[in-house]
Amino acid sequence: MRIRNHRDFRAGAMFVVIGVAFAAFSQSYALGTPARMGPGFFPTMLGVLLALLVRWRPLVLILLSVLVFAIGLPRLGVVVSIALLVGISSLAAEDFRWKETLASIAVLIALSWLVFVKGLDLQFPVWPVFLVR
């Protein structure tokens, strides 16, 4: 995913940081209830709302793709793990296209195999473990 507007990205990051900071630092005050608000109620709710303004779908999909890659690499091999990594992370793009995603998967698998398996001779499975045995 390419950042198109760095100004908007920095503003979103600022909202998340300030929101999380407000919510975290206000936990030392009594929260109360909506009917009887304590001194920590307003900063906590303001912090949570600021953090929720950010678009979470792309962030979650990118992090999920990295997690799936890390967990899947020893069991699924390089080929399937890279396909899942690129496939899941490409869903975060606003202008998702299957044709471009499949081309990216093919190029990244080929380059990864050339560099890591053949060039550096790293010892991790290329194909899923259950297919090789």
Protein backbone atom coordinates (compact mmCIF):
# COMPACT_ATOMS: atom_id res chain seq x y z
CA MET A 1 0.00 0.00 0.00
CA ARG A 2 1.41 3.35 -1.04
CA ILE A 3 0.80 6.44 1.07
CA ARG A 4 -0.75 8.94 -1.27
CA ASN A 5 -1.01 11.89 1.06
CA HIS A 6 1.74 12.04 3.67
CA ARG A 7 0.03 14.95 5.40
CA ASP A 8 -3.13 12.89 5.99
CA PHE A 9 -1.03 9.93 7.13
CA ARG A 10 0.83 12.02 9.70
CA ALA A 11 -2.43 13.57 10.89
CA GLY A 12 -3.97 10.11 11.33
CA ALA A 13 -0.91 8.86 13.20
CA MET A 14 -1.07 11.94 15.41
CA PHE A 15 -4.75 11.27 16.22
CA VAL A 16 -3.97 7.67 17.17
CA VAL A 17 -1.00 8.61 19.36
CA ILE A 18 -2.82 11.43 21.11
CA GLY A 19 -5.97 9.32 21.53
CA VAL A 20 -4.11 6.37 23.01
CA ALA A 21 -2.07 8.69 25.24
CA PHE A 22 -5.19 10.46 26.54
CA ALA A 23 -6.93 7.14 27.20
CA ALA A 24 -3.86 5.67 28.92
CA PHE A 25 -2.99 8.66 31.10
CA SER A 26 -6.60 9.23 32.17
CA GLN A 27 -6.79 5.75 33.70
CA SER A 28 -5.27 7.08 36.92
CA TYR A 29 -8.46 9.11 37.48
CA ALA A 30 -11.85 7.72 38.48
CA LEU A 31 -13.90 6.96 35.38
CA GLY A 32 -17.39 7.09 36.82
CA THR A 33 -20.52 6.42 34.78
CA PRO A 34 -22.21 8.42 32.01
CA ALA A 35 -24.74 9.65 34.57
CA ARG A 36 -22.06 10.59 37.16
CA MET A 37 -18.90 11.28 35.22
CA GLY A 38 -15.62 11.15 37.06
CA PRO A 39 -12.55 13.22 36.18
CA GLY A 40 -11.22 10.47 33.91
CA PHE A 41 -14.41 9.97 31.86
CA PHE A 42 -14.03 12.81 29.35
CA PRO A 43 -10.32 12.29 28.53
CA THR A 44 -10.84 8.53 28.21
CA MET A 45 -13.80 8.86 25.86
CA LEU A 46 -12.08 11.63 23.87
CA GLY A 47 -8.97 9.47 23.50
CA VAL A 48 -10.95 6.45 22.37
CA LEU A 49 -12.91 8.52 19.83
CA LEU A 50 -9.72 10.08 18.44
CA ALA A 51 -8.12 6.67 18.00
CA LEU A 52 -11.28 5.26 16.36
CA LEU A 53 -11.30 7.98 13.68
CA VAL A 54 -8.45 6.25 11.89
CA ARG A 55 -9.26 3.79 9.10
CA TRP A 56 -8.55 0.46 10.77
CA ARG A 57 -9.29 -1.97 7.93
CA PRO A 58 -6.02 -1.42 6.00
CA LEU A 59 -3.97 -1.46 9.20
CA VAL A 60 -5.56 -4.70 10.41
CA LEU A 61 -5.19 -6.40 7.01
CA ILE A 62 -1.50 -5.50 6.71
CA LEU A 63 -0.74 -6.71 10.23
CA LEU A 64 -2.80 -9.86 9.66
CA SER A 65 -0.89 -10.64 6.46
CA VAL A 66 2.46 -10.38 8.25
CA LEU A 67 1.18 -12.58 11.07
CA VAL A 68 -0.11 -15.21 8.62
CA PHE A 69 3.25 -15.16 6.84
CA ALA A 70 5.22 -15.58 10.07
CA ILE A 71 3.03 -18.42 11.33
CA GLY A 72 2.66 -20.09 7.93
CA LEU A 73 6.27 -20.05 6.71
CA PRO A 74 7.49 -23.14 8.64
CA ARG A 75 4.39 -25.18 7.78
CA LEU A 76 3.23 -23.84 4.42
CA GLY A 77 6.57 -22.98 2.82
CA VAL A 78 7.73 -19.92 0.95
CA VAL A 79 5.40 -20.22 -2.03
CA VAL A 80 2.11 -20.41 -0.15
CA SER A 81 3.20 -17.98 2.59
CA ILE A 82 4.18 -15.28 0.11
CA ALA A 83 0.95 -15.83 -1.83
CA LEU A 84 -1.04 -15.35 1.38
CA LEU A 85 1.05 -12.35 2.44
CA VAL A 86 0.55 -10.50 -0.84
CA GLY A 87 -3.05 -11.62 -1.26
CA ILE A 88 -4.20 -10.50 2.19
CA SER A 89 -2.22 -7.26 2.21
CA SER A 90 -3.45 -6.30 -1.26
CA LEU A 91 -7.03 -6.38 0.05
CA ALA A 92 -6.10 -3.28 2.05
CA ALA A 93 -5.76 -1.22 -1.13
CA GLU A 94 -8.69 0.88 -2.26
CA ASP A 95 -8.08 -0.05 -5.91
CA PHE A 96 -7.64 -3.81 -5.52
CA ARG A 97 -7.23 -5.77 -8.76
CA TRP A 98 -6.79 -9.55 -8.98
CA LYS A 99 -4.65 -9.37 -12.10
CA GLU A 100 -2.07 -7.07 -10.47
CA THR A 101 -2.14 -9.08 -7.26
CA LEU A 102 -1.47 -12.36 -9.06
CA ALA A 103 1.37 -10.75 -11.02
CA SER A 104 2.88 -9.42 -7.78
CA ILE A 105 2.59 -12.85 -6.17
CA ALA A 106 4.34 -14.53 -9.11
CA VAL A 107 7.19 -12.01 -9.24
CA LEU A 108 7.75 -12.04 -5.47
CA ILE A 109 7.75 -15.82 -5.30
CA ALA A 110 10.26 -16.04 -8.14
CA LEU A 111 12.55 -13.37 -6.68
CA SER A 112 12.32 -14.81 -3.16
CA TRP A 113 13.16 -18.27 -4.42
CA LEU A 114 16.12 -16.93 -6.40
CA VAL A 115 17.53 -14.77 -3.60
CA PHE A 116 16.78 -16.76 -0.45
CA VAL A 117 16.67 -20.38 -1.56
CA LYS A 118 19.21 -20.46 -4.40
CA GLY A 119 21.37 -17.40 -3.69
CA LEU A 120 21.66 -17.47 0.11
CA ASP A 121 20.86 -21.18 0.51
CA LEU A 122 18.55 -20.56 3.48
CA GLN A 123 17.02 -23.67 4.95
CA PHE A 124 13.26 -23.24 5.05
CA PRO A 125 10.61 -25.16 3.15
CA VAL A 126 9.71 -23.96 -0.33
CA TRP A 127 6.51 -26.01 -0.51
CA PRO A 128 4.03 -27.00 2.21
CA VAL A 129 5.42 -29.66 4.53
CA PHE A 130 2.41 -31.96 4.04
CA LEU A 131 3.00 -32.03 0.24
CA VAL A 132 6.71 -32.84 0.44
CA ARG A 133 6.48 -35.84 2.78
